[in-house]
Amino acid sequence: MPKQIPLSEKREWLKQYEDGTPAAQIARKQEHSLRVVRRGIDEARSERDGTVARADIVKDALRNHQRLLMEVIDKLMRLTDPLPPDMELRREASGVLAPIGLPGGRIYYNRSEGLQVELADENTRQWKLLKEHLKRAKLWRMLEQWKKQVTDDMRTRIVFEAAIRSLVQSETNLTITQVSTTDIRKNFLYPSVMALFYQVSIRRAVGILDGTNPEIRIVASDDGYVRHGQGGTELAHCPGKQDKCKEGLLRALKKIPNLPETAKIQDSTAELKKVSGSLKEAIEDIQLMGMIPGRCRICNRISL
């Protein structure tokens, strides 16, 4: 039986051959036939090329794995953008808050748990793998603090809206209701008055310039309506009492900045900005590394 030649020796033949030593000279020096040496060189080359190819495949798999995880991190960064101060608080037919979209997630009402923040990626495999990689990262603590502050901020907005509603109805002695514009037998405030007063007041509360100018543009019309601008959005229907209603609306608008709920809006906005800044720093720490540190079960399966 021919003597087995170690692979390490064949690798040495390949090295010598690629360094310029003819195969015949290697064969004479090693006391093997030329055919054996040539076959050994071919085997060593195939083994090396296969190793390189496998390494390239593993590298590509790692890059793709890291890319997918980094995409999740990049999406999280979008959460740190300030929430629109005047985002609409819509309600379902049942009266509960309708889901509100966030960059990469949503705020919704759960009957058993109250307001919740749900992120689009939280139930994906990439999210679970990311948590395996970053088991002890401060990112998760910052993210939970951010979620809590977002729900607290939303509760503050809901209370603020309710306070405005109560004040407006009290000052006008009218009720905000969904009534057909053809029903001229009733005096009422349109829901549009709440949309206008809430958006203007919350913008002003957080220091955002607002050009709506309802104090100037609210008008009482001879047809019994109070509108935002001549021929503009109808705010109230109260024939014969439109001037009194307008005065009540303007009084309410003037009192809103002094509501305790207004100060709470300001405090909540400032706290959310602070928490969002801490979350942003935790995300940037990972982004600046250019890779996701640690390992997960996928890393182990591709033998990294």
C-alpha atoms as a PDB file:
ATOM      1  CA  MET A   1       0.000   0.000   0.000  1.00  0.00           C
ATOM      2  CA  PRO A   2       1.483   3.395  -1.013  1.00  0.00           C
ATOM      3  CA  LYS A   3       2.660   5.554   1.850  1.00  0.00           C
ATOM      4  CA  GLN A   4       0.202   8.342   2.754  1.00  0.00           C
ATOM      5  CA  ILE A   5       1.703  11.763   2.286  1.00  0.00           C
ATOM      6  CA  PRO A   6       0.612  14.280   4.987  1.00  0.00           C
ATOM      7  CA  LEU A   7      -1.416  17.259   3.832  1.00  0.00           C
ATOM      8  CA  SER A   8       1.076  19.557   5.528  1.00  0.00           C
ATOM      9  CA  GLU A   9       3.802  18.228   3.188  1.00  0.00           C
ATOM     10  CA  LYS A  10       1.597  18.780   0.136  1.00  0.00           C
ATOM     11  CA  ARG A  11       1.007  22.350   1.306  1.00  0.00           C
ATOM     12  CA  GLU A  12       4.775  22.836   1.450  1.00  0.00           C
ATOM     13  CA  TRP A  13       5.083  21.536  -2.130  1.00  0.00           C
ATOM     14  CA  LEU A  14       2.412  24.049  -3.207  1.00  0.00           C
ATOM     15  CA  LYS A  15       4.267  26.869  -1.479  1.00  0.00           C
ATOM     16  CA  GLN A  16       7.544  25.949  -3.173  1.00  0.00           C
ATOM     17  CA  TYR A  17       5.810  25.554  -6.534  1.00  0.00           C
ATOM     18  CA  GLU A  18       4.110  28.981  -6.263  1.00  0.00           C
ATOM     19  CA  ASP A  19       7.463  30.463  -5.211  1.00  0.00           C
ATOM     20  CA  GLY A  20       8.888  29.326  -8.561  1.00  0.00           C
ATOM     21  CA  THR A  21      10.377  25.881  -7.902  1.00  0.00           C
ATOM     22  CA  PRO A  22       9.528  23.491 -10.795  1.00  0.00           C
ATOM     23  CA  ALA A  23       7.462  20.431  -9.874  1.00  0.00           C
ATOM     24  CA  ALA A  24      10.187  18.143 -11.280  1.00  0.00           C
ATOM     25  CA  GLN A  25      12.784  19.662  -8.936  1.00  0.00           C
ATOM     26  CA  ILE A  26      10.455  19.218  -5.952  1.00  0.00           C
ATOM     27  CA  ALA A  27       9.880  15.601  -6.951  1.00  0.00           C
ATOM     28  CA  ARG A  28      13.639  14.865  -7.146  1.00  0.00           C
ATOM     29  CA  LYS A  29      14.314  16.532  -3.817  1.00  0.00           C
ATOM     30  CA  GLN A  30      11.446  14.736  -2.041  1.00  0.00           C
ATOM     31  CA  GLU A  31      12.166  11.453  -3.823  1.00  0.00           C
ATOM     32  CA  HIS A  32       8.662  11.139  -5.237  1.00  0.00           C
ATOM     33  CA  SER A  33       7.472  10.679  -8.747  1.00  0.00           C
ATOM     34  CA  LEU A  34       6.514  13.761 -10.718  1.00  0.00           C
ATOM     35  CA  ARG A  35       2.955  12.452 -10.960  1.00  0.00           C
ATOM     36  CA  VAL A  36       2.670  12.148  -7.167  1.00  0.00           C
ATOM     37  CA  VAL A  37       4.024  15.642  -6.587  1.00  0.00           C
ATOM     38  CA  ARG A  38       1.742  17.206  -9.180  1.00  0.00           C
ATOM     39  CA  ARG A  39      -1.277  15.454  -7.692  1.00  0.00           C
ATOM     40  CA  GLY A  40      -0.216  16.558  -4.197  1.00  0.00           C
ATOM     41  CA  ILE A  41       0.125  20.166  -5.349  1.00  0.00           C
ATOM     42  CA  ASP A  42      -3.375  20.013  -6.893  1.00  0.00           C
ATOM     43  CA  GLU A  43      -4.835  18.573  -3.671  1.00  0.00           C
ATOM     44  CA  ALA A  44      -3.190  21.272  -1.538  1.00  0.00           C
ATOM     45  CA  ARG A  45      -4.452  23.977  -3.884  1.00  0.00           C
ATOM     46  CA  SER A  46      -8.025  22.597  -3.813  1.00  0.00           C
ATOM     47  CA  GLU A  47      -7.943  22.387  -0.016  1.00  0.00           C
ATOM     48  CA  ARG A  48      -6.706  25.965   0.296  1.00  0.00           C
ATOM     49  CA  ASP A  49      -9.212  27.339  -2.206  1.00  0.00           C
ATOM     50  CA  GLY A  50     -12.013  25.531  -0.432  1.00  0.00           C
ATOM     51  CA  THR A  51     -10.957  27.017   2.910  1.00  0.00           C
ATOM     52  CA  VAL A  52     -10.838  30.508   1.409  1.00  0.00           C
ATOM     53  CA  ALA A  53     -14.232  30.016  -0.226  1.00  0.00           C
ATOM     54  CA  ARG A  54     -15.773  28.839   3.049  1.00  0.00           C
ATOM     55  CA  ALA A  55     -14.236  31.789   4.872  1.00  0.00           C
ATOM     56  CA  ASP A  56     -15.739  34.152   2.293  1.00  0.00           C
ATOM     57  CA  ILE A  57     -19.150  32.543   2.726  1.00  0.00           C
ATOM     58  CA  VAL A  58     -18.904  32.912   6.495  1.00  0.00           C
ATOM     59  CA  LYS A  59     -17.837  36.549   6.135  1.00  0.00           C
ATOM     60  CA  ASP A  60     -20.771  37.244   3.821  1.00  0.00           C
ATOM     61  CA  ALA A  61     -23.146  35.534   6.253  1.00  0.00           C
ATOM     62  CA  LEU A  62     -21.760  37.630   9.109  1.00  0.00           C
ATOM     63  CA  ARG A  63     -22.075  40.874   7.133  1.00  0.00           C
ATOM     64  CA  ASN A  64     -25.682  40.088   6.222  1.00  0.00           C
ATOM     65  CA  HIS A  65     -26.492  39.114   9.814  1.00  0.00           C
ATOM     66  CA  GLN A  66     -24.943  42.339  11.111  1.00  0.00           C
ATOM     67  CA  ARG A  67     -26.739  44.382   8.453  1.00  0.00           C
ATOM     68  CA  LEU A  68     -30.144  43.035   9.489  1.00  0.00           C
ATOM     69  CA  LEU A  69     -29.459  43.746  13.151  1.00  0.00           C
ATOM     70  CA  MET A  70     -28.118  47.230  12.421  1.00  0.00           C
ATOM     71  CA  GLU A  71     -31.304  48.004  10.480  1.00  0.00           C
ATOM     72  CA  VAL A  72     -33.245  47.427  13.706  1.00  0.00           C
ATOM     73  CA  ILE A  73     -30.890  49.785  15.548  1.00  0.00           C
ATOM     74  CA  ASP A  74     -31.312  52.421  12.836  1.00  0.00           C
ATOM     75  CA  LYS A  75     -35.102  52.178  13.125  1.00  0.00           C
ATOM     76  CA  LEU A  76     -34.849  52.707  16.874  1.00  0.00           C
ATOM     77  CA  MET A  77     -33.045  55.984  16.245  1.00  0.00           C
ATOM     78  CA  ARG A  78     -36.197  57.326  14.586  1.00  0.00           C
ATOM     79  CA  LEU A  79     -37.994  56.981  17.919  1.00  0.00           C
ATOM     80  CA  THR A  80     -35.867  59.763  19.373  1.00  0.00           C
ATOM     81  CA  ASP A  81     -37.421  62.362  17.065  1.00  0.00           C
ATOM     82  CA  PRO A  82     -39.764  64.685  18.994  1.00  0.00           C
ATOM     83  CA  LEU A  83     -43.407  63.647  18.962  1.00  0.00           C
ATOM     84  CA  PRO A  84     -45.577  66.119  17.030  1.00  0.00           C
ATOM     85  CA  PRO A  85     -46.990  68.397  19.733  1.00  0.00           C
ATOM     86  CA  ASP A  86     -50.360  68.617  18.029  1.00  0.00           C
ATOM     87  CA  MET A  87     -50.822  64.989  17.058  1.00  0.00           C
ATOM     88  CA  GLU A  88     -54.508  64.225  16.785  1.00  0.00           C
ATOM     89  CA  LEU A  89     -56.149  62.323  19.628  1.00  0.00           C
ATOM     90  CA  ARG A  90     -58.806  60.349  17.790  1.00  0.00           C
ATOM     91  CA  ARG A  91     -61.253  58.003  19.481  1.00  0.00           C
ATOM     92  CA  GLU A  92     -62.906  54.788  18.421  1.00  0.00           C
ATOM     93  CA  ALA A  93     -66.692  54.463  18.347  1.00  0.00           C
ATOM     94  CA  SER A  94     -66.424  52.941  21.835  1.00  0.00           C
ATOM     95  CA  GLY A  95     -64.794  56.112  23.108  1.00  0.00           C
ATOM     96  CA  VAL A  96     -61.316  54.671  23.724  1.00  0.00           C
ATOM     97  CA  LEU A  97     -58.251  56.289  22.194  1.00  0.00           C
ATOM     98  CA  ALA A  98     -57.605  55.162  18.618  1.00  0.00           C
ATOM     99  CA  PRO A  99     -54.095  53.858  17.840  1.00  0.00           C
ATOM    100  CA  ILE A 100     -51.592  56.630  17.168  1.00  0.00           C
ATOM    101  CA  GLY A 101     -48.754  55.965  14.743  1.00  0.00           C
ATOM    102  CA  LEU A 102     -45.137  56.485  15.763  1.00  0.00           C
ATOM    103  CA  PRO A 103     -42.002  56.194  13.622  1.00  0.00           C
ATOM    104  CA  GLY A 104     -41.504  52.426  13.797  1.00  0.00           C
ATOM    105  CA  GLY A 105     -44.400  51.709  16.133  1.00  0.00           C
ATOM    106  CA  ARG A 106     -47.660  52.884  17.665  1.00  0.00           C
ATOM    107  CA  ILE A 107     -49.399  53.921  20.864  1.00  0.00           C
ATOM    108  CA  TYR A 108     -52.614  52.043  21.556  1.00  0.00           C
ATOM    109  CA  TYR A 109     -55.095  51.458  24.359  1.00  0.00           C
ATOM    110  CA  ASN A 110     -55.346  48.030  25.971  1.00  0.00           C
ATOM    111  CA  ARG A 111     -58.407  47.509  28.165  1.00  0.00           C
ATOM    112  CA  SER A 112     -56.506  45.516  30.778  1.00  0.00           C
ATOM    113  CA  GLU A 113     -53.171  47.379  30.714  1.00  0.00           C
ATOM    114  CA  GLY A 114     -54.080  50.909  29.623  1.00  0.00           C
ATOM    115  CA  LEU A 115     -51.904  52.869  27.211  1.00  0.00           C
ATOM    116  CA  GLN A 116     -49.125  50.835  25.630  1.00  0.00           C
ATOM    117  CA  VAL A 117     -46.260  51.499  23.228  1.00  0.00           C
ATOM    118  CA  GLU A 118     -45.654  48.787  20.644  1.00  0.00           C
ATOM    119  CA  LEU A 119     -42.622  48.808  18.357  1.00  0.00           C
ATOM    120  CA  ALA A 120     -42.899  47.278  14.889  1.00  0.00           C
ATOM    121  CA  ASP A 121     -39.794  45.085  15.297  1.00  0.00           C
ATOM    122  CA  GLU A 122     -40.404  43.829  18.842  1.00  0.00           C
ATOM    123  CA  ASN A 123     -41.942  40.541  17.756  1.00  0.00           C
ATOM    124  CA  THR A 124     -39.435  39.766  15.007  1.00  0.00           C
ATOM    125  CA  ARG A 125     -36.570  37.265  15.124  1.00  0.00           C
ATOM    126  CA  GLN A 126     -34.084  40.057  14.511  1.00  0.00           C
ATOM    127  CA  TRP A 127     -35.244  41.731  17.728  1.00  0.00           C
ATOM    128  CA  LYS A 128     -34.719  38.542  19.730  1.00  0.00           C
ATOM    129  CA  LEU A 129     -31.283  38.011  18.207  1.00  0.00           C
ATOM    130  CA  LEU A 130     -30.374  41.629  18.922  1.00  0.00           C
ATOM    131  CA  LYS A 131     -31.248  41.089  22.574  1.00  0.00           C
ATOM    132  CA  GLU A 132     -28.971  38.032  22.616  1.00  0.00           C
ATOM    133  CA  HIS A 133     -26.130  40.149  21.263  1.00  0.00           C
ATOM    134  CA  LEU A 134     -26.760  43.052  23.643  1.00  0.00           C
ATOM    135  CA  LYS A 135     -27.804  41.204  26.790  1.00  0.00           C
ATOM    136  CA  ARG A 136     -26.489  43.793  29.255  1.00  0.00           C
ATOM    137  CA  ALA A 137     -26.621  46.909  27.084  1.00  0.00           C
ATOM    138  CA  LYS A 138     -28.092  50.061  28.627  1.00  0.00           C
ATOM    139  CA  LEU A 139     -30.128  50.397  25.423  1.00  0.00           C
ATOM    140  CA  TRP A 140     -32.907  48.199  26.846  1.00  0.00           C
ATOM    141  CA  ARG A 141     -33.184  50.179  30.072  1.00  0.00           C
ATOM    142  CA  MET A 142     -33.265  53.460  28.138  1.00  0.00           C
ATOM    143  CA  LEU A 143     -35.899  52.058  25.779  1.00  0.00           C
ATOM    144  CA  GLU A 144     -38.186  51.052  28.665  1.00  0.00           C
ATOM    145  CA  GLN A 145     -37.798  54.500  30.229  1.00  0.00           C
ATOM    146  CA  TRP A 146     -38.660  56.062  26.871  1.00  0.00           C
ATOM    147  CA  LYS A 147     -41.783  53.898  26.507  1.00  0.00           C
ATOM    148  CA  LYS A 148     -42.948  54.849  29.986  1.00  0.00           C
ATOM    149  CA  GLN A 149     -42.409  58.546  29.335  1.00  0.00           C
ATOM    150  CA  VAL A 150     -44.231  58.367  25.995  1.00  0.00           C
ATOM    151  CA  THR A 151     -47.296  56.829  27.662  1.00  0.00           C
ATOM    152  CA  ASP A 152     -47.081  59.365  30.520  1.00  0.00           C
ATOM    153  CA  ASP A 153     -46.859  62.169  27.960  1.00  0.00           C
ATOM    154  CA  MET A 154     -49.868  60.821  26.104  1.00  0.00           C
ATOM    155  CA  ARG A 155     -51.891  60.635  29.325  1.00  0.00           C
ATOM    156  CA  THR A 156     -50.937  64.243  30.014  1.00  0.00           C
ATOM    157  CA  ARG A 157     -52.165  65.235  26.561  1.00  0.00           C
ATOM    158  CA  ILE A 158     -55.460  63.419  27.092  1.00  0.00           C
ATOM    159  CA  VAL A 159     -56.012  65.193  30.417  1.00  0.00           C
ATOM    160  CA  PHE A 160     -55.040  68.513  28.801  1.00  0.00           C
ATOM    161  CA  GLU A 161     -57.582  67.963  26.044  1.00  0.00           C
ATOM    162  CA  ALA A 162     -60.274  67.103  28.596  1.00  0.00           C
ATOM    163  CA  ALA A 163     -59.480  70.261  30.578  1.00  0.00           C
ATOM    164  CA  ILE A 164     -59.832  72.385  27.425  1.00  0.00           C
ATOM    165  CA  ARG A 165     -63.116  70.653  26.579  1.00  0.00           C
ATOM    166  CA  SER A 166     -64.508  71.337  30.035  1.00  0.00           C
ATOM    167  CA  LEU A 167     -63.373  74.963  29.974  1.00  0.00           C
ATOM    168  CA  VAL A 168     -64.795  75.671  26.520  1.00  0.00           C
ATOM    169  CA  GLN A 169     -68.173  74.132  27.370  1.00  0.00           C
ATOM    170  CA  SER A 170     -68.277  75.991  30.681  1.00  0.00           C
ATOM    171  CA  GLU A 171     -67.461  79.385  29.164  1.00  0.00           C
ATOM    172  CA  THR A 172     -69.987  79.020  26.326  1.00  0.00           C
ATOM    173  CA  ASN A 173     -72.622  77.035  28.218  1.00  0.00           C
ATOM    174  CA  LEU A 174     -72.811  74.802  25.134  1.00  0.00           C
ATOM    175  CA  THR A 175     -71.969  71.165  24.541  1.00  0.00           C
ATOM    176  CA  ILE A 176     -69.477  69.839  22.014  1.00  0.00           C
ATOM    177  CA  THR A 177     -71.378  67.262  20.013  1.00  0.00           C
ATOM    178  CA  GLN A 178     -71.731  65.604  16.637  1.00  0.00           C
ATOM    179  CA  VAL A 179     -74.860  67.241  15.254  1.00  0.00           C
ATOM    180  CA  SER A 180     -75.964  67.584  11.656  1.00  0.00           C
ATOM    181  CA  THR A 181     -75.535  71.099  10.291  1.00  0.00           C
ATOM    182  CA  THR A 182     -79.090  70.846   9.000  1.00  0.00           C
ATOM    183  CA  ASP A 183     -80.468  70.505  12.547  1.00  0.00           C
ATOM    184  CA  ILE A 184     -81.142  74.191  13.218  1.00  0.00           C
ATOM    185  CA  ARG A 185     -83.199  73.523  16.337  1.00  0.00           C
ATOM    186  CA  LYS A 186     -80.156  72.974  18.543  1.00  0.00           C
ATOM    187  CA  ASN A 187     -77.354  75.175  19.824  1.00  0.00           C
ATOM    188  CA  PHE A 188     -74.047  73.358  20.046  1.00  0.00           C
ATOM    189  CA  LEU A 189     -70.292  73.454  19.568  1.00  0.00           C
ATOM    190  CA  TYR A 190     -68.728  71.511  16.732  1.00  0.00           C
ATOM    191  CA  PRO A 191     -65.877  69.039  17.471  1.00  0.00           C
ATOM    192  CA  SER A 192     -63.753  71.304  15.255  1.00  0.00           C
ATOM    193  CA  VAL A 193     -63.557  73.817  18.099  1.00  0.00           C
ATOM    194  CA  MET A 194     -61.697  71.234  20.170  1.00  0.00           C
ATOM    195  CA  ALA A 195     -59.347  70.382  17.326  1.00  0.00           C
ATOM    196  CA  LEU A 196     -58.542  74.088  16.883  1.00  0.00           C
ATOM    197  CA  PHE A 197     -58.159  74.989  20.563  1.00  0.00           C
ATOM    198  CA  TYR A 198     -56.179  71.853  21.438  1.00  0.00           C
ATOM    199  CA  GLN A 199     -53.707  72.214  18.563  1.00  0.00           C
ATOM    200  CA  VAL A 200     -53.170  75.940  19.068  1.00  0.00           C
ATOM    201  CA  SER A 201     -52.844  75.659  22.847  1.00  0.00           C
ATOM    202  CA  ILE A 202     -50.424  72.737  22.908  1.00  0.00           C
ATOM    203  CA  ARG A 203     -48.192  74.374  20.321  1.00  0.00           C
ATOM    204  CA  ARG A 204     -48.077  77.529  22.372  1.00  0.00           C
ATOM    205  CA  ALA A 205     -47.482  75.573  25.572  1.00  0.00           C
ATOM    206  CA  VAL A 206     -44.318  73.977  24.203  1.00  0.00           C
ATOM    207  CA  GLY A 207     -43.046  77.142  22.567  1.00  0.00           C
ATOM    208  CA  ILE A 208     -43.848  76.473  18.916  1.00  0.00           C
ATOM    209  CA  LEU A 209     -44.782  79.502  16.840  1.00  0.00           C
ATOM    210  CA  ASP A 210     -48.366  79.342  15.656  1.00  0.00           C
ATOM    211  CA  GLY A 211     -49.867  81.511  12.951  1.00  0.00           C
ATOM    212  CA  THR A 212     -53.458  80.384  13.416  1.00  0.00           C
ATOM    213  CA  ASN A 213     -54.450  83.526  15.388  1.00  0.00           C
ATOM    214  CA  PRO A 214     -57.911  82.365  16.532  1.00  0.00           C
ATOM    215  CA  GLU A 215     -58.247  85.444  18.793  1.00  0.00           C
ATOM    216  CA  ILE A 216     -58.381  87.550  15.653  1.00  0.00           C
ATOM    217  CA  ARG A 217     -60.018  85.179  13.213  1.00  0.00           C
ATOM    218  CA  ILE A 218     -62.945  83.829  15.242  1.00  0.00           C
ATOM    219  CA  VAL A 219     -66.072  85.620  13.975  1.00  0.00           C
ATOM    220  CA  ALA A 220     -69.775  85.542  14.774  1.00  0.00           C
ATOM    221  CA  SER A 221     -71.892  85.460  11.612  1.00  0.00           C
ATOM    222  CA  ASP A 222     -75.394  86.770  11.049  1.00  0.00           C
ATOM    223  CA  ASP A 223     -76.539  83.280  10.051  1.00  0.00           C
ATOM    224  CA  GLY A 224     -76.098  82.078  13.647  1.00  0.00           C
ATOM    225  CA  TYR A 225     -72.715  80.417  13.294  1.00  0.00           C
ATOM    226  CA  VAL A 226     -69.370  81.118  14.913  1.00  0.00           C
ATOM    227  CA  ARG A 227     -66.546  80.374  12.512  1.00  0.00           C
ATOM    228  CA  HIS A 228     -62.780  80.394  12.363  1.00  0.00           C
ATOM    229  CA  GLY A 229     -62.413  83.029   9.670  1.00  0.00           C
ATOM    230  CA  GLN A 230     -65.075  84.452   7.377  1.00  0.00           C
ATOM    231  CA  GLY A 231     -66.569  81.483   5.581  1.00  0.00           C
ATOM    232  CA  GLY A 232     -64.135  79.232   7.433  1.00  0.00           C
ATOM    233  CA  THR A 233     -64.515  76.206   9.703  1.00  0.00           C
ATOM    234  CA  GLU A 234     -67.732  76.226  11.725  1.00  0.00           C
ATOM    235  CA  LEU A 235     -67.068  76.205  15.471  1.00  0.00           C
ATOM    236  CA  ALA A 236     -70.557  76.682  16.865  1.00  0.00           C
ATOM    237  CA  HIS A 237     -74.211  76.895  15.887  1.00  0.00           C
ATOM    238  CA  CYS A 238     -76.188  79.200  18.173  1.00  0.00           C
ATOM    239  CA  PRO A 239     -78.585  81.560  16.347  1.00  0.00           C
ATOM    240  CA  GLY A 240     -79.219  84.709  18.329  1.00  0.00           C
ATOM    241  CA  LYS A 241     -76.391  83.879  20.742  1.00  0.00           C
ATOM    242  CA  GLN A 242     -73.459  83.819  18.353  1.00  0.00           C
ATOM    243  CA  ASP A 243     -71.850  86.967  19.765  1.00  0.00           C
ATOM    244  CA  LYS A 244     -72.109  85.652  23.305  1.00  0.00           C
ATOM    245  CA  CYS A 245     -70.690  82.300  22.164  1.00  0.00           C
ATOM    246  CA  LYS A 246     -67.760  84.027  20.488  1.00  0.00           C
ATOM    247  CA  GLU A 247     -66.988  85.909  23.687  1.00  0.00           C
ATOM    248  CA  GLY A 248     -67.090  82.667  25.639  1.00  0.00           C
ATOM    249  CA  LEU A 249     -64.706  80.987  23.224  1.00  0.00           C
ATOM    250  CA  LEU A 250     -62.253  83.867  23.455  1.00  0.00           C
ATOM    251  CA  ARG A 251     -62.442  83.809  27.267  1.00  0.00           C
ATOM    252  CA  ALA A 252     -61.685  80.090  27.243  1.00  0.00           C
ATOM    253  CA  LEU A 253     -58.758  80.569  24.883  1.00  0.00           C
ATOM    254  CA  LYS A 254     -57.347  83.272  27.159  1.00  0.00           C
ATOM    255  CA  LYS A 255     -57.647  81.066  30.269  1.00  0.00           C
ATOM    256  CA  ILE A 256     -56.026  77.930  28.794  1.00  0.00           C
ATOM    257  CA  PRO A 257     -52.387  79.055  29.421  1.00  0.00           C
ATOM    258  CA  ASN A 258     -53.199  79.366  33.133  1.00  0.00           C
ATOM    259  CA  LEU A 259     -54.661  75.863  33.485  1.00  0.00           C
ATOM    260  CA  PRO A 260     -52.580  73.549  35.710  1.00  0.00           C
ATOM    261  CA  GLU A 261     -52.777  71.005  32.882  1.00  0.00           C
ATOM    262  CA  THR A 262     -50.873  73.425  30.644  1.00  0.00           C
ATOM    263  CA  ALA A 263     -47.916  73.455  33.045  1.00  0.00           C
ATOM    264  CA  LYS A 264     -48.024  69.656  33.130  1.00  0.00           C
ATOM    265  CA  ILE A 265     -47.819  69.562  29.329  1.00  0.00           C
ATOM    266  CA  GLN A 266     -44.696  71.698  29.473  1.00  0.00           C
ATOM    267  CA  ASP A 267     -43.099  69.480  32.152  1.00  0.00           C
ATOM    268  CA  SER A 268     -43.994  66.278  30.307  1.00  0.00           C
ATOM    269  CA  THR A 269     -42.596  67.569  27.012  1.00  0.00           C
ATOM    270  CA  ALA A 270     -39.321  68.548  28.694  1.00  0.00           C
ATOM    271  CA  GLU A 271     -39.003  65.160  30.403  1.00  0.00           C
ATOM    272  CA  LEU A 272     -39.688  63.258  27.186  1.00  0.00           C
ATOM    273  CA  LYS A 273     -37.005  65.316  25.437  1.00  0.00           C
ATOM    274  CA  LYS A 274     -34.543  64.397  28.193  1.00  0.00           C
ATOM    275  CA  VAL A 275     -35.369  60.678  28.083  1.00  0.00           C
ATOM    276  CA  SER A 276     -35.253  60.666  24.263  1.00  0.00           C
ATOM    277  CA  GLY A 277     -31.776  62.224  24.442  1.00  0.00           C
ATOM    278  CA  SER A 278     -30.540  59.418  26.712  1.00  0.00           C
ATOM    279  CA  LEU A 279     -32.009  56.789  24.376  1.00  0.00           C
ATOM    280  CA  LYS A 280     -30.360  58.501  21.410  1.00  0.00           C
ATOM    281  CA  GLU A 281     -26.951  58.357  23.107  1.00  0.00           C
ATOM    282  CA  ALA A 282     -27.348  54.620  23.790  1.00  0.00           C
ATOM    283  CA  ILE A 283     -28.235  53.991  20.137  1.00  0.00           C
ATOM    284  CA  GLU A 284     -25.398  56.170  18.849  1.00  0.00           C
ATOM    285  CA  ASP A 285     -22.893  54.231  20.974  1.00  0.00           C
ATOM    286  CA  ILE A 286     -23.801  51.120  18.995  1.00  0.00           C
ATOM    287  CA  GLN A 287     -23.937  52.867  15.623  1.00  0.00           C
ATOM    288  CA  LEU A 288     -20.497  54.404  16.113  1.00  0.00           C
ATOM    289  CA  MET A 289     -19.002  50.943  16.663  1.00  0.00           C
ATOM    290  CA  GLY A 290     -20.109  50.043  13.164  1.00  0.00           C
ATOM    291  CA  MET A 291     -21.120  46.567  14.338  1.00  0.00           C
ATOM    292  CA  ILE A 292     -23.308  44.777  16.855  1.00  0.00           C
ATOM    293  CA  PRO A 293     -21.049  43.357  19.591  1.00  0.00           C
ATOM    294  CA  GLY A 294     -21.634  40.005  21.263  1.00  0.00           C
ATOM    295  CA  ARG A 295     -22.926  36.737  19.880  1.00  0.00           C
ATOM    296  CA  CYS A 296     -26.241  35.008  19.290  1.00  0.00           C
ATOM    297  CA  ARG A 297     -27.382  31.545  18.283  1.00  0.00           C
ATOM    298  CA  ILE A 298     -27.070  32.453  14.598  1.00  0.00           C
ATOM    299  CA  CYS A 299     -23.422  33.444  15.115  1.00  0.00           C
ATOM    300  CA  ASN A 300     -22.802  30.050  16.735  1.00  0.00           C
ATOM    301  CA  ARG A 301     -24.466  28.170  13.895  1.00  0.00           C
ATOM    302  CA  ILE A 302     -22.245  29.783  11.273  1.00  0.00           C
ATOM    303  CA  SER A 303     -19.212  28.938  13.416  1.00  0.00           C
ATOM    304  CA  LEU A 304     -17.905  32.425  14.038  1.00  0.00           C
END
